[in-house]
Structure formats: C-alpha cells, structure tokens
C-alpha atoms as a PDB file:
ATOM      1  CA  MET A   1      65.041  51.183  36.799  1.00  0.00           C
ATOM      2  CA  ALA A   2      67.376  48.966  34.835  1.00  0.00           C
ATOM      3  CA  THR A   3      67.206  48.732  31.063  1.00  0.00           C
ATOM      4  CA  LYS A   4      66.871  45.355  29.409  1.00  0.00           C
ATOM      5  CA  LEU A   5      69.794  44.334  27.249  1.00  0.00           C
ATOM      6  CA  PRO A   6      68.775  42.640  23.983  1.00  0.00           C
ATOM      7  CA  ALA A   7      71.676  40.179  24.168  1.00  0.00           C
ATOM      8  CA  ALA A   8      70.690  39.086  27.660  1.00  0.00           C
ATOM      9  CA  GLN A   9      66.999  38.777  26.730  1.00  0.00           C
ATOM     10  CA  ALA A  10      67.881  36.592  23.738  1.00  0.00           C
ATOM     11  CA  ARG A  11      70.112  34.362  25.854  1.00  0.00           C
ATOM     12  CA  LEU A  12      67.512  33.888  28.586  1.00  0.00           C
ATOM     13  CA  TYR A  13      64.292  33.525  26.580  1.00  0.00           C
ATOM     14  CA  HIS A  14      64.941  32.892  22.859  1.00  0.00           C
ATOM     15  CA  ASN A  15      64.064  29.333  21.745  1.00  0.00           C
ATOM     16  CA  ILE A  16      63.827  27.991  25.315  1.00  0.00           C
ATOM     17  CA  PHE A  17      60.976  25.674  26.239  1.00  0.00           C
ATOM     18  CA  VAL A  18      60.002  23.843  29.437  1.00  0.00           C
ATOM     19  CA  CYS A  19      58.797  20.245  29.637  1.00  0.00           C
ATOM     20  CA  LYS A  20      55.263  20.154  31.029  1.00  0.00           C
ATOM     21  CA  HIS A  21      55.907  16.852  32.783  1.00  0.00           C
ATOM     22  CA  CYS A  22      59.293  17.229  34.538  1.00  0.00           C
ATOM     23  CA  LYS A  23      59.931  21.013  34.200  1.00  0.00           C
ATOM     24  CA  THR A  24      63.272  20.584  32.403  1.00  0.00           C
ATOM     25  CA  LYS A  25      64.425  23.461  30.178  1.00  0.00           C
ATOM     26  CA  ILE A  26      65.479  22.731  26.597  1.00  0.00           C
ATOM     27  CA  ARG A  27      66.620  25.009  23.760  1.00  0.00           C
ATOM     28  CA  ALA A  28      65.076  24.183  20.375  1.00  0.00           C
ATOM     29  CA  GLU A  29      63.431  25.813  17.389  1.00  0.00           C
ATOM     30  CA  PRO A  30      59.683  26.455  17.846  1.00  0.00           C
ATOM     31  CA  ARG A  31      58.916  24.725  14.547  1.00  0.00           C
ATOM     32  CA  LYS A  32      60.476  21.475  15.763  1.00  0.00           C
ATOM     33  CA  ILE A  33      58.598  21.699  19.063  1.00  0.00           C
ATOM     34  CA  LEU A  34      55.281  22.096  17.229  1.00  0.00           C
ATOM     35  CA  GLU A  35      56.050  19.179  14.903  1.00  0.00           C
ATOM     36  CA  GLY A  36      56.860  16.938  17.889  1.00  0.00           C
ATOM     37  CA  LYS A  37      60.402  16.155  16.780  1.00  0.00           C
ATOM     38  CA  ILE A  38      61.964  17.135  20.108  1.00  0.00           C
ATOM     39  CA  LYS A  39      61.922  14.810  23.128  1.00  0.00           C
ATOM     40  CA  CYS A  40      62.723  15.738  26.707  1.00  0.00           C
ATOM     41  CA  ARG A  41      66.167  14.482  27.712  1.00  0.00           C
ATOM     42  CA  LYS A  42      65.006  13.567  31.196  1.00  0.00           C
ATOM     43  CA  CYS A  43      61.553  11.957  30.819  1.00  0.00           C
ATOM     44  CA  GLY A  44      61.138  11.364  27.062  1.00  0.00           C
ATOM     45  CA  LYS A  45      57.835  13.258  26.714  1.00  0.00           C
ATOM     46  CA  ARG A  46      57.141  15.560  23.762  1.00  0.00           C
ATOM     47  CA  VAL A  47      54.962  18.184  25.473  1.00  0.00           C
ATOM     48  CA  PHE A  48      56.571  21.603  26.014  1.00  0.00           C
ATOM     49  CA  ARG A  49      55.563  25.169  26.812  1.00  0.00           C
ATOM     50  CA  PRO A  50      57.455  28.440  26.294  1.00  0.00           C
ATOM     51  CA  ILE A  51      59.459  29.699  29.258  1.00  0.00           C
ATOM     52  CA  LYS A  52      57.723  32.419  31.312  1.00  0.00           C
ATOM     53  CA  LYS A  53      59.266  35.873  31.082  1.00  0.00           C
ATOM     54  CA  ARG A  54      59.541  37.651  34.420  1.00  0.00           C
END
C-alpha cells in the first residue's frame, strides 16, 4: 500500500473548491468562499463545495 505524501495531499486538496453549477475547480481561501466574495470564472455563480477526497 502506498503512503500519502503531505506535499501531494496539500497540492491536490488544500483550498480547492468545486462550483455546484458547472463543476469547475477553483483554488481560494475557505473564508472568502463562505463570505461569497469568490465567483466562478466560467458561470459567475457563487455556490461552491469542497473537493471530494478519494
């Protein structure tokens, strides 16, 4: 079984959110996502969810 590298985990999952409307990934601070300051580049919506860890 492979071990998980902290650097790789941070790069893949840290501060990455997915638009609930068009499924585009965006990297932003969670505080800004909760405040609604971040818009999706593709569709302009402000509704995001955290990326799913597999």
